[in-house]
């Protein structure tokens, strides 16, 4: 099976996040989504990249774009990482991890 490319419709997967469970198409709705991945929580580069996405969230939202970060880490790891980031920098509560 070929991978997804820009502009493809993603499968309607059930997604479990640090906040909730949902179907991907329900989350995206009639808008767009930027789906990005990171290799691991608590890594400096990943934290920096997510921070950059956070800085532009308002602009994405104005355009009807939602953000969705993916990794293979556990929900507990995500929650711990979010708390760590929020203690030192900005809130990531605007997008789903």
PDB file of N, CA and C in Angstrom:
ATOM      1  N   UNK A   1       0.845  -1.171   0.000  1.00  0.00           N
ATOM      2  CA  UNK A   1       0.000   0.000   0.000  1.00  0.00           C
ATOM      3  C   UNK A   1       0.894   1.240   0.000  1.00  0.00           C
ATOM      4  N   UNK A   2       0.649   2.170  -0.905  1.00  0.00           N
ATOM      5  CA  UNK A   2       1.462   3.388  -0.929  1.00  0.00           C
ATOM      6  C   UNK A   2       1.150   4.269   0.275  1.00  0.00           C
ATOM      7  N   UNK A   3       2.112   5.107   0.632  1.00  0.00           N
ATOM      8  CA  UNK A   3       1.921   6.032   1.746  1.00  0.00           C
ATOM      9  C   UNK A   3       1.057   7.210   1.344  1.00  0.00           C
ATOM     10  N   UNK A   4       0.765   8.046   2.303  1.00  0.00           N
ATOM     11  CA  UNK A   4      -0.014   9.250   2.051  1.00  0.00           C
ATOM     12  C   UNK A   4       0.895  10.366   1.554  1.00  0.00           C
ATOM     13  N   UNK A   5       0.356  11.201   0.713  1.00  0.00           N
ATOM     14  CA  UNK A   5       1.077  12.386   0.266  1.00  0.00           C
ATOM     15  C   UNK A   5       0.197  13.612   0.512  1.00  0.00           C
ATOM     16  N   UNK A   6       0.769  14.782   0.357  1.00  0.00           N
ATOM     17  CA  UNK A   6       0.028  16.020   0.585  1.00  0.00           C
ATOM     18  C   UNK A   6      -1.214  16.041  -0.288  1.00  0.00           C
ATOM     19  N   UNK A   7      -2.342  16.342   0.331  1.00  0.00           N
ATOM     20  CA  UNK A   7      -3.604  16.425  -0.381  1.00  0.00           C
ATOM     21  C   UNK A   7      -4.427  15.154  -0.341  1.00  0.00           C
ATOM     22  N   UNK A   8      -3.827  14.030   0.071  1.00  0.00           N
ATOM     23  CA  UNK A   8      -4.581  12.783   0.190  1.00  0.00           C
ATOM     24  C   UNK A   8      -5.567  12.872   1.354  1.00  0.00           C
ATOM     25  N   UNK A   9      -6.645  12.124   1.265  1.00  0.00           N
ATOM     26  CA  UNK A   9      -7.571  11.983   2.380  1.00  0.00           C
ATOM     27  C   UNK A   9      -7.071  10.856   3.265  1.00  0.00           C
ATOM     28  N   UNK A  10      -6.901  11.159   4.542  1.00  0.00           N
ATOM     29  CA  UNK A  10      -6.405  10.144   5.470  1.00  0.00           C
ATOM     30  C   UNK A  10      -7.532   9.182   5.817  1.00  0.00           C
ATOM     31  N   UNK A  11      -7.189   7.934   6.154  1.00  0.00           N
ATOM     32  CA  UNK A  11      -8.222   6.997   6.605  1.00  0.00           C
ATOM     33  C   UNK A  11      -8.877   7.519   7.885  1.00  0.00           C
ATOM     34  N   UNK A  12     -10.114   7.158   8.111  1.00  0.00           N
ATOM     35  CA  UNK A  12     -10.845   7.611   9.293  1.00  0.00           C
ATOM     36  C   UNK A  12     -10.487   6.734  10.494  1.00  0.00           C
ATOM     37  N   UNK A  13      -9.268   6.884  10.965  1.00  0.00           N
ATOM     38  CA  UNK A  13      -8.760   6.080  12.067  1.00  0.00           C
ATOM     39  C   UNK A  13      -9.327   6.550  13.397  1.00  0.00           C
ATOM     40  N   UNK A  14      -9.447   5.605  14.347  1.00  0.00           N
ATOM     41  CA  UNK A  14      -9.757   5.999  15.717  1.00  0.00           C
ATOM     42  C   UNK A  14      -8.445   6.376  16.376  1.00  0.00           C
ATOM     43  N   UNK A  15      -8.405   7.568  16.944  1.00  0.00           N
ATOM     44  CA  UNK A  15      -7.183   8.125  17.500  1.00  0.00           C
ATOM     45  C   UNK A  15      -7.340   8.267  19.011  1.00  0.00           C
ATOM     46  N   UNK A  16      -6.316   7.842  19.749  1.00  0.00           N
ATOM     47  CA  UNK A  16      -6.297   8.066  21.193  1.00  0.00           C
ATOM     48  C   UNK A  16      -5.194   9.073  21.484  1.00  0.00           C
ATOM     49  N   UNK A  17      -5.556  10.144  22.148  1.00  0.00           N
ATOM     50  CA  UNK A  17      -4.600  11.201  22.450  1.00  0.00           C
ATOM     51  C   UNK A  17      -4.436  11.352  23.957  1.00  0.00           C
ATOM     52  N   UNK A  18      -3.614  12.283  24.354  1.00  0.00           N
ATOM     53  CA  UNK A  18      -3.428  12.576  25.775  1.00  0.00           C
ATOM     54  C   UNK A  18      -4.692  13.179  26.379  1.00  0.00           C
ATOM     55  N   UNK A  19      -5.608  13.637  25.548  1.00  0.00           N
ATOM     56  CA  UNK A  19      -6.832  14.280  26.031  1.00  0.00           C
ATOM     57  C   UNK A  19      -8.087  13.443  25.838  1.00  0.00           C
ATOM     58  N   UNK A  20      -8.170  12.727  24.709  1.00  0.00           N
ATOM     59  CA  UNK A  20      -9.431  12.083  24.358  1.00  0.00           C
ATOM     60  C   UNK A  20      -9.230  11.053  23.247  1.00  0.00           C
ATOM     61  N   UNK A  21     -10.323  10.350  22.938  1.00  0.00           N
ATOM     62  CA  UNK A  21     -10.365   9.462  21.772  1.00  0.00           C
ATOM     63  C   UNK A  21     -11.353  10.058  20.780  1.00  0.00           C
ATOM     64  N   UNK A  22     -11.056   9.909  19.502  1.00  0.00           N
ATOM     65  CA  UNK A  22     -11.962  10.407  18.474  1.00  0.00           C
ATOM     66  C   UNK A  22     -11.639   9.747  17.147  1.00  0.00           C
ATOM     67  N   UNK A  23     -12.563   9.891  16.211  1.00  0.00           N
ATOM     68  CA  UNK A  23     -12.329   9.482  14.832  1.00  0.00           C
ATOM     69  C   UNK A  23     -11.662  10.656  14.116  1.00  0.00           C
ATOM     70  N   UNK A  24     -10.670  10.359  13.339  1.00  0.00           N
ATOM     71  CA  UNK A  24      -9.870  11.395  12.697  1.00  0.00           C
ATOM     72  C   UNK A  24     -10.711  12.355  11.859  1.00  0.00           C
ATOM     73  N   UNK A  25     -11.654  11.833  11.093  1.00  0.00           N
ATOM     74  CA  UNK A  25     -12.480  12.702  10.253  1.00  0.00           C
ATOM     75  C   UNK A  25     -13.358  13.622  11.097  1.00  0.00           C
ATOM     76  N   UNK A  26     -13.804  13.143  12.277  1.00  0.00           N
ATOM     77  CA  UNK A  26     -14.589  14.003  13.171  1.00  0.00           C
ATOM     78  C   UNK A  26     -13.739  15.158  13.683  1.00  0.00           C
ATOM     79  N   UNK A  27     -12.489  14.879  14.003  1.00  0.00           N
ATOM     80  CA  UNK A  27     -11.581  15.918  14.504  1.00  0.00           C
ATOM     81  C   UNK A  27     -11.302  16.968  13.424  1.00  0.00           C
ATOM     82  N   UNK A  28     -11.036  16.514  12.223  1.00  0.00           N
ATOM     83  CA  UNK A  28     -10.700  17.431  11.133  1.00  0.00           C
ATOM     84  C   UNK A  28     -11.931  18.203  10.664  1.00  0.00           C
ATOM     85  N   UNK A  29     -13.076  17.539  10.632  1.00  0.00           N
ATOM     86  CA  UNK A  29     -14.303  18.194  10.183  1.00  0.00           C
ATOM     87  C   UNK A  29     -14.207  18.582   8.722  1.00  0.00           C
ATOM     88  N   UNK A  30     -14.712  19.768   8.396  1.00  0.00           N
ATOM     89  CA  UNK A  30     -14.699  20.256   7.012  1.00  0.00           C
ATOM     90  C   UNK A  30     -13.445  21.053   6.681  1.00  0.00           C
ATOM     91  N   UNK A  31     -12.535  21.157   7.638  1.00  0.00           N
ATOM     92  CA  UNK A  31     -11.325  21.940   7.422  1.00  0.00           C
ATOM     93  C   UNK A  31     -10.163  21.085   6.962  1.00  0.00           C
ATOM     94  N   UNK A  32      -9.002  21.537   7.320  1.00  0.00           N
ATOM     95  CA  UNK A  32      -7.757  20.875   6.969  1.00  0.00           C
ATOM     96  C   UNK A  32      -7.017  20.488   8.244  1.00  0.00           C
ATOM     97  N   UNK A  33      -6.036  19.631   8.095  1.00  0.00           N
ATOM     98  CA  UNK A  33      -5.193  19.266   9.232  1.00  0.00           C
ATOM     99  C   UNK A  33      -3.745  19.166   8.778  1.00  0.00           C
ATOM    100  N   UNK A  34      -2.873  19.561   9.667  1.00  0.00           N
ATOM    101  CA  UNK A  34      -1.452  19.284   9.495  1.00  0.00           C
ATOM    102  C   UNK A  34      -1.130  18.179  10.481  1.00  0.00           C
ATOM    103  N   UNK A  35      -0.747  17.051   9.951  1.00  0.00           N
ATOM    104  CA  UNK A  35      -0.396  15.899  10.776  1.00  0.00           C
ATOM    105  C   UNK A  35       1.116  15.759  10.712  1.00  0.00           C
ATOM    106  N   UNK A  36       1.746  15.859  11.863  1.00  0.00           N
ATOM    107  CA  UNK A  36       3.203  15.782  11.904  1.00  0.00           C
ATOM    108  C   UNK A  36       3.619  14.789  12.973  1.00  0.00           C
ATOM    109  N   UNK A  37       4.792  14.242  12.817  1.00  0.00           N
ATOM    110  CA  UNK A  37       5.260  13.238  13.776  1.00  0.00           C
ATOM    111  C   UNK A  37       6.569  13.681  14.403  1.00  0.00           C
ATOM    112  N   UNK A  38       6.843  13.071  15.539  1.00  0.00           N
ATOM    113  CA  UNK A  38       8.123  13.290  16.206  1.00  0.00           C
ATOM    114  C   UNK A  38       8.588  11.950  16.764  1.00  0.00           C
ATOM    115  N   UNK A  39       9.891  11.714  16.806  1.00  0.00           N
ATOM    116  CA  UNK A  39      10.393  10.396  17.201  1.00  0.00           C
ATOM    117  C   UNK A  39      10.269  10.088  18.681  1.00  0.00           C
ATOM    118  N   UNK A  40      10.214  11.114  19.529  1.00  0.00           N
ATOM    119  CA  UNK A  40      10.120  10.796  20.943  1.00  0.00           C
ATOM    120  C   UNK A  40       9.886  12.013  21.810  1.00  0.00           C
ATOM    121  N   UNK A  41       9.090  11.821  22.859  1.00  0.00           N
ATOM    122  CA  UNK A  41       8.862  12.877  23.836  1.00  0.00           C
ATOM    123  C   UNK A  41      10.169  13.186  24.565  1.00  0.00           C
ATOM    124  N   UNK A  42      10.261  14.380  25.089  1.00  0.00           N
ATOM    125  CA  UNK A  42      11.392  14.849  25.896  1.00  0.00           C
ATOM    126  C   UNK A  42      12.683  15.052  25.102  1.00  0.00           C
ATOM    127  N   UNK A  43      12.633  15.018  23.791  1.00  0.00           N
ATOM    128  CA  UNK A  43      13.841  15.274  23.011  1.00  0.00           C
ATOM    129  C   UNK A  43      13.889  16.761  22.652  1.00  0.00           C
ATOM    130  N   UNK A  44      15.069  17.369  22.703  1.00  0.00           N
ATOM    131  CA  UNK A  44      15.165  18.821  22.488  1.00  0.00           C
ATOM    132  C   UNK A  44      14.641  19.290  21.132  1.00  0.00           C
ATOM    133  N   UNK A  45      14.972  18.582  20.084  1.00  0.00           N
ATOM    134  CA  UNK A  45      14.528  19.015  18.755  1.00  0.00           C
ATOM    135  C   UNK A  45      13.011  18.919  18.651  1.00  0.00           C
ATOM    136  N   UNK A  46      12.439  17.838  19.133  1.00  0.00           N
ATOM    137  CA  UNK A  46      10.980  17.682  19.073  1.00  0.00           C
ATOM    138  C   UNK A  46      10.281  18.779  19.864  1.00  0.00           C
ATOM    139  N   UNK A  47      10.805  19.086  21.031  1.00  0.00           N
ATOM    140  CA  UNK A  47      10.218  20.134  21.860  1.00  0.00           C
ATOM    141  C   UNK A  47      10.282  21.480  21.144  1.00  0.00           C
ATOM    142  N   UNK A  48      11.401  21.771  20.504  1.00  0.00           N
ATOM    143  CA  UNK A  48      11.564  23.021  19.760  1.00  0.00           C
ATOM    144  C   UNK A  48      10.600  23.087  18.580  1.00  0.00           C
ATOM    145  N   UNK A  49      10.480  21.991  17.839  1.00  0.00           N
ATOM    146  CA  UNK A  49       9.596  21.974  16.674  1.00  0.00           C
ATOM    147  C   UNK A  49       8.138  22.142  17.087  1.00  0.00           C
ATOM    148  N   UNK A  50       7.725  21.472  18.156  1.00  0.00           N
ATOM    149  CA  UNK A  50       6.354  21.634  18.631  1.00  0.00           C
ATOM    150  C   UNK A  50       6.114  23.062  19.118  1.00  0.00           C
ATOM    151  N   UNK A  51       7.124  23.653  19.728  1.00  0.00           N
ATOM    152  CA  UNK A  51       7.016  25.046  20.146  1.00  0.00           C
ATOM    153  C   UNK A  51       6.809  25.979  18.971  1.00  0.00           C
ATOM    154  N   UNK A  52       7.480  25.698  17.868  1.00  0.00           N
ATOM    155  CA  UNK A  52       7.317  26.516  16.661  1.00  0.00           C
ATOM    156  C   UNK A  52       5.894  26.369  16.123  1.00  0.00           C
ATOM    157  N   UNK A  53       5.360  25.163  16.129  1.00  0.00           N
ATOM    158  CA  UNK A  53       3.974  24.968  15.696  1.00  0.00           C
ATOM    159  C   UNK A  53       3.029  25.748  16.610  1.00  0.00           C
ATOM    160  N   UNK A  54       3.307  25.722  17.911  1.00  0.00           N
ATOM    161  CA  UNK A  54       2.477  26.449  18.874  1.00  0.00           C
ATOM    162  C   UNK A  54       2.465  27.941  18.566  1.00  0.00           C
ATOM    163  N   UNK A  55       3.600  28.468  18.153  1.00  0.00           N
ATOM    164  CA  UNK A  55       3.705  29.896  17.858  1.00  0.00           C
ATOM    165  C   UNK A  55       2.803  30.313  16.695  1.00  0.00           C
ATOM    166  N   UNK A  56       2.527  29.400  15.786  1.00  0.00           N
ATOM    167  CA  UNK A  56       1.713  29.713  14.609  1.00  0.00           C
ATOM    168  C   UNK A  56       0.289  29.174  14.694  1.00  0.00           C
ATOM    169  N   UNK A  57      -0.100  28.618  15.835  1.00  0.00           N
ATOM    170  CA  UNK A  57      -1.411  27.983  15.953  1.00  0.00           C
ATOM    171  C   UNK A  57      -2.552  28.933  15.632  1.00  0.00           C
ATOM    172  N   UNK A  58      -2.484  30.147  16.117  1.00  0.00           N
ATOM    173  CA  UNK A  58      -3.570  31.096  15.872  1.00  0.00           C
ATOM    174  C   UNK A  58      -3.757  31.341  14.374  1.00  0.00           C
ATOM    175  N   UNK A  59      -2.667  31.456  13.664  1.00  0.00           N
ATOM    176  CA  UNK A  59      -2.739  31.663  12.213  1.00  0.00           C
ATOM    177  C   UNK A  59      -3.326  30.434  11.514  1.00  0.00           C
ATOM    178  N   UNK A  60      -2.903  29.249  11.931  1.00  0.00           N
ATOM    179  CA  UNK A  60      -3.483  28.022  11.370  1.00  0.00           C
ATOM    180  C   UNK A  60      -4.984  27.981  11.628  1.00  0.00           C
ATOM    181  N   UNK A  61      -5.378  28.279  12.851  1.00  0.00           N
ATOM    182  CA  UNK A  61      -6.787  28.232  13.233  1.00  0.00           C
ATOM    183  C   UNK A  61      -7.629  29.185  12.387  1.00  0.00           C
ATOM    184  N   UNK A  62      -7.122  30.372  12.116  1.00  0.00           N
ATOM    185  CA  UNK A  62      -7.837  31.339  11.271  1.00  0.00           C
ATOM    186  C   UNK A  62      -8.100  30.781   9.881  1.00  0.00           C
ATOM    187  N   UNK A  63      -7.240  29.889   9.435  1.00  0.00           N
ATOM    188  CA  UNK A  63      -7.371  29.290   8.107  1.00  0.00           C
ATOM    189  C   UNK A  63      -8.147  27.972   8.136  1.00  0.00           C
ATOM    190  N   UNK A  64      -8.673  27.597   9.309  1.00  0.00           N
ATOM    191  CA  UNK A  64      -9.434  26.354   9.431  1.00  0.00           C
ATOM    192  C   UNK A  64      -8.560  25.115   9.465  1.00  0.00           C
ATOM    193  N   UNK A  65      -7.316  25.282   9.929  1.00  0.00           N
ATOM    194  CA  UNK A  65      -6.362  24.169   9.966  1.00  0.00           C
ATOM    195  C   UNK A  65      -6.155  23.727  11.410  1.00  0.00           C
ATOM    196  N   UNK A  66      -6.288  22.431  11.646  1.00  0.00           N
ATOM    197  CA  UNK A  66      -6.036  21.856  12.967  1.00  0.00           C
ATOM    198  C   UNK A  66      -4.699  21.134  12.945  1.00  0.00           C
ATOM    199  N   UNK A  67      -4.069  21.070  14.100  1.00  0.00           N
ATOM    200  CA  UNK A  67      -2.766  20.425  14.236  1.00  0.00           C
ATOM    201  C   UNK A  67      -2.911  19.107  14.977  1.00  0.00           C
ATOM    202  N   UNK A  68      -2.166  18.110  14.521  1.00  0.00           N
ATOM    203  CA  UNK A  68      -2.185  16.800  15.165  1.00  0.00           C
ATOM    204  C   UNK A  68      -0.773  16.246  15.162  1.00  0.00           C
ATOM    205  N   UNK A  69      -0.192  16.125  16.348  1.00  0.00           N
ATOM    206  CA  UNK A  69       1.148  15.569  16.492  1.00  0.00           C
ATOM    207  C   UNK A  69       1.085  14.091  16.819  1.00  0.00           C
ATOM    208  N   UNK A  70       1.931  13.303  16.180  1.00  0.00           N
ATOM    209  CA  UNK A  70       1.940  11.852  16.348  1.00  0.00           C
ATOM    210  C   UNK A  70       3.290  11.357  16.843  1.00  0.00           C
ATOM    211  N   UNK A  71       3.256  10.340  17.672  1.00  0.00           N
ATOM    212  CA  UNK A  71       4.470   9.595  18.010  1.00  0.00           C
ATOM    213  C   UNK A  71       4.058   8.235  18.551  1.00  0.00           C
ATOM    214  N   UNK A  72       5.027   7.392  18.758  1.00  0.00           N
ATOM    215  CA  UNK A  72       4.766   6.047  19.278  1.00  0.00           C
ATOM    216  C   UNK A  72       4.881   5.979  20.796  1.00  0.00           C
ATOM    217  N   UNK A  73       5.144   7.111  21.447  1.00  0.00           N
ATOM    218  CA  UNK A  73       5.247   7.107  22.902  1.00  0.00           C
ATOM    219  C   UNK A  73       3.877   6.886  23.541  1.00  0.00           C
ATOM    220  N   UNK A  74       3.896   6.507  24.799  1.00  0.00           N
ATOM    221  CA  UNK A  74       2.655   6.223  25.523  1.00  0.00           C
ATOM    222  C   UNK A  74       1.907   7.510  25.861  1.00  0.00           C
ATOM    223  N   UNK A  75       0.622   7.353  26.154  1.00  0.00           N
ATOM    224  CA  UNK A  75      -0.189   8.488  26.585  1.00  0.00           C
ATOM    225  C   UNK A  75       0.408   9.097  27.856  1.00  0.00           C
ATOM    226  N   UNK A  76       0.863   8.256  28.777  1.00  0.00           N
ATOM    227  CA  UNK A  76       1.471   8.765  30.010  1.00  0.00           C
ATOM    228  C   UNK A  76       2.708   9.609  29.700  1.00  0.00           C
ATOM    229  N   UNK A  77       3.522   9.142  28.772  1.00  0.00           N
ATOM    230  CA  UNK A  77       4.702   9.911  28.376  1.00  0.00           C
ATOM    231  C   UNK A  77       4.304  11.264  27.793  1.00  0.00           C
ATOM    232  N   UNK A  78       3.272  11.274  26.943  1.00  0.00           N
ATOM    233  CA  UNK A  78       2.788  12.538  26.372  1.00  0.00           C
ATOM    234  C   UNK A  78       2.339  13.493  27.482  1.00  0.00           C
ATOM    235  N   UNK A  79       1.554  12.973  28.428  1.00  0.00           N
ATOM    236  CA  UNK A  79       1.062  13.816  29.520  1.00  0.00           C
ATOM    237  C   UNK A  79       2.210  14.383  30.347  1.00  0.00           C
ATOM    238  N   UNK A  80       3.195  13.556  30.647  1.00  0.00           N
ATOM    239  CA  UNK A  80       4.357  14.018  31.410  1.00  0.00           C
ATOM    240  C   UNK A  80       5.130  15.084  30.638  1.00  0.00           C
ATOM    241  N   UNK A  81       5.280  14.864  29.339  1.00  0.00           N
ATOM    242  CA  UNK A  81       6.010  15.807  28.491  1.00  0.00           C
ATOM    243  C   UNK A  81       5.279  17.146  28.405  1.00  0.00           C
ATOM    244  N   UNK A  82       3.961  17.094  28.233  1.00  0.00           N
ATOM    245  CA  UNK A  82       3.159  18.317  28.172  1.00  0.00           C
ATOM    246  C   UNK A  82       3.328  19.116  29.465  1.00  0.00           C
ATOM    247  N   UNK A  83       3.259  18.442  30.611  1.00  0.00           N
ATOM    248  CA  UNK A  83       3.446  19.132  31.899  1.00  0.00           C
ATOM    249  C   UNK A  83       4.833  19.763  31.981  1.00  0.00           C
ATOM    250  N   UNK A  84       5.836  19.049  31.528  1.00  0.00           N
ATOM    251  CA  UNK A  84       7.202  19.559  31.551  1.00  0.00           C
ATOM    252  C   UNK A  84       7.341  20.799  30.669  1.00  0.00           C
ATOM    253  N   UNK A  85       6.795  20.739  29.477  1.00  0.00           N
ATOM    254  CA  UNK A  85       6.861  21.867  28.542  1.00  0.00           C
ATOM    255  C   UNK A  85       6.124  23.072  29.113  1.00  0.00           C
ATOM    256  N   UNK A  86       4.914  22.857  29.619  1.00  0.00           N
ATOM    257  CA  UNK A  86       4.122  23.966  30.143  1.00  0.00           C
ATOM    258  C   UNK A  86       4.780  24.608  31.360  1.00  0.00           C
ATOM    259  N   UNK A  87       5.533  23.834  32.120  1.00  0.00           N
ATOM    260  CA  UNK A  87       6.220  24.378  33.294  1.00  0.00           C
ATOM    261  C   UNK A  87       7.333  25.348  32.897  1.00  0.00           C
ATOM    262  N   UNK A  88       7.873  25.171  31.700  1.00  0.00           N
ATOM    263  CA  UNK A  88       9.018  25.979  31.283  1.00  0.00           C
ATOM    264  C   UNK A  88       8.748  26.931  30.138  1.00  0.00           C
ATOM    265  N   UNK A  89       7.706  26.667  29.344  1.00  0.00           N
ATOM    266  CA  UNK A  89       7.512  27.502  28.154  1.00  0.00           C
ATOM    267  C   UNK A  89       6.060  27.871  27.950  1.00  0.00           C
ATOM    268  N   UNK A  90       5.419  27.246  26.953  1.00  0.00           N
ATOM    269  CA  UNK A  90       4.067  27.621  26.542  1.00  0.00           C
ATOM    270  C   UNK A  90       3.123  26.443  26.679  1.00  0.00           C
ATOM    271  N   UNK A  91       1.850  26.737  26.587  1.00  0.00           N
ATOM    272  CA  UNK A  91       0.828  25.699  26.660  1.00  0.00           C
ATOM    273  C   UNK A  91       0.643  25.047  25.296  1.00  0.00           C
ATOM    274  N   UNK A  92       0.571  23.728  25.296  1.00  0.00           N
ATOM    275  CA  UNK A  92       0.273  22.986  24.073  1.00  0.00           C
ATOM    276  C   UNK A  92      -1.166  22.507  24.077  1.00  0.00           C
ATOM    277  N   UNK A  93      -2.009  23.153  24.861  1.00  0.00           N
ATOM    278  CA  UNK A  93      -3.384  22.685  24.986  1.00  0.00           C
ATOM    279  C   UNK A  93      -4.203  22.913  23.724  1.00  0.00           C
ATOM    280  N   UNK A  94      -3.682  23.682  22.768  1.00  0.00           N
ATOM    281  CA  UNK A  94      -4.445  23.996  21.570  1.00  0.00           C
ATOM    282  C   UNK A  94      -4.483  22.858  20.570  1.00  0.00           C
ATOM    283  N   UNK A  95      -3.513  21.966  20.595  1.00  0.00           N
ATOM    284  CA  UNK A  95      -3.553  20.887  19.617  1.00  0.00           C
ATOM    285  C   UNK A  95      -3.425  19.542  20.295  1.00  0.00           C
ATOM    286  N   UNK A  96      -3.777  18.543  19.566  1.00  0.00           N
ATOM    287  CA  UNK A  96      -3.856  17.201  20.097  1.00  0.00           C
ATOM    288  C   UNK A  96      -2.539  16.483  19.928  1.00  0.00           C
ATOM    289  N   UNK A  97      -2.113  15.832  20.978  1.00  0.00           N
ATOM    290  CA  UNK A  97      -0.865  15.088  20.964  1.00  0.00           C
ATOM    291  C   UNK A  97      -1.142  13.676  21.411  1.00  0.00           C
TER     292      UNK A  97
END
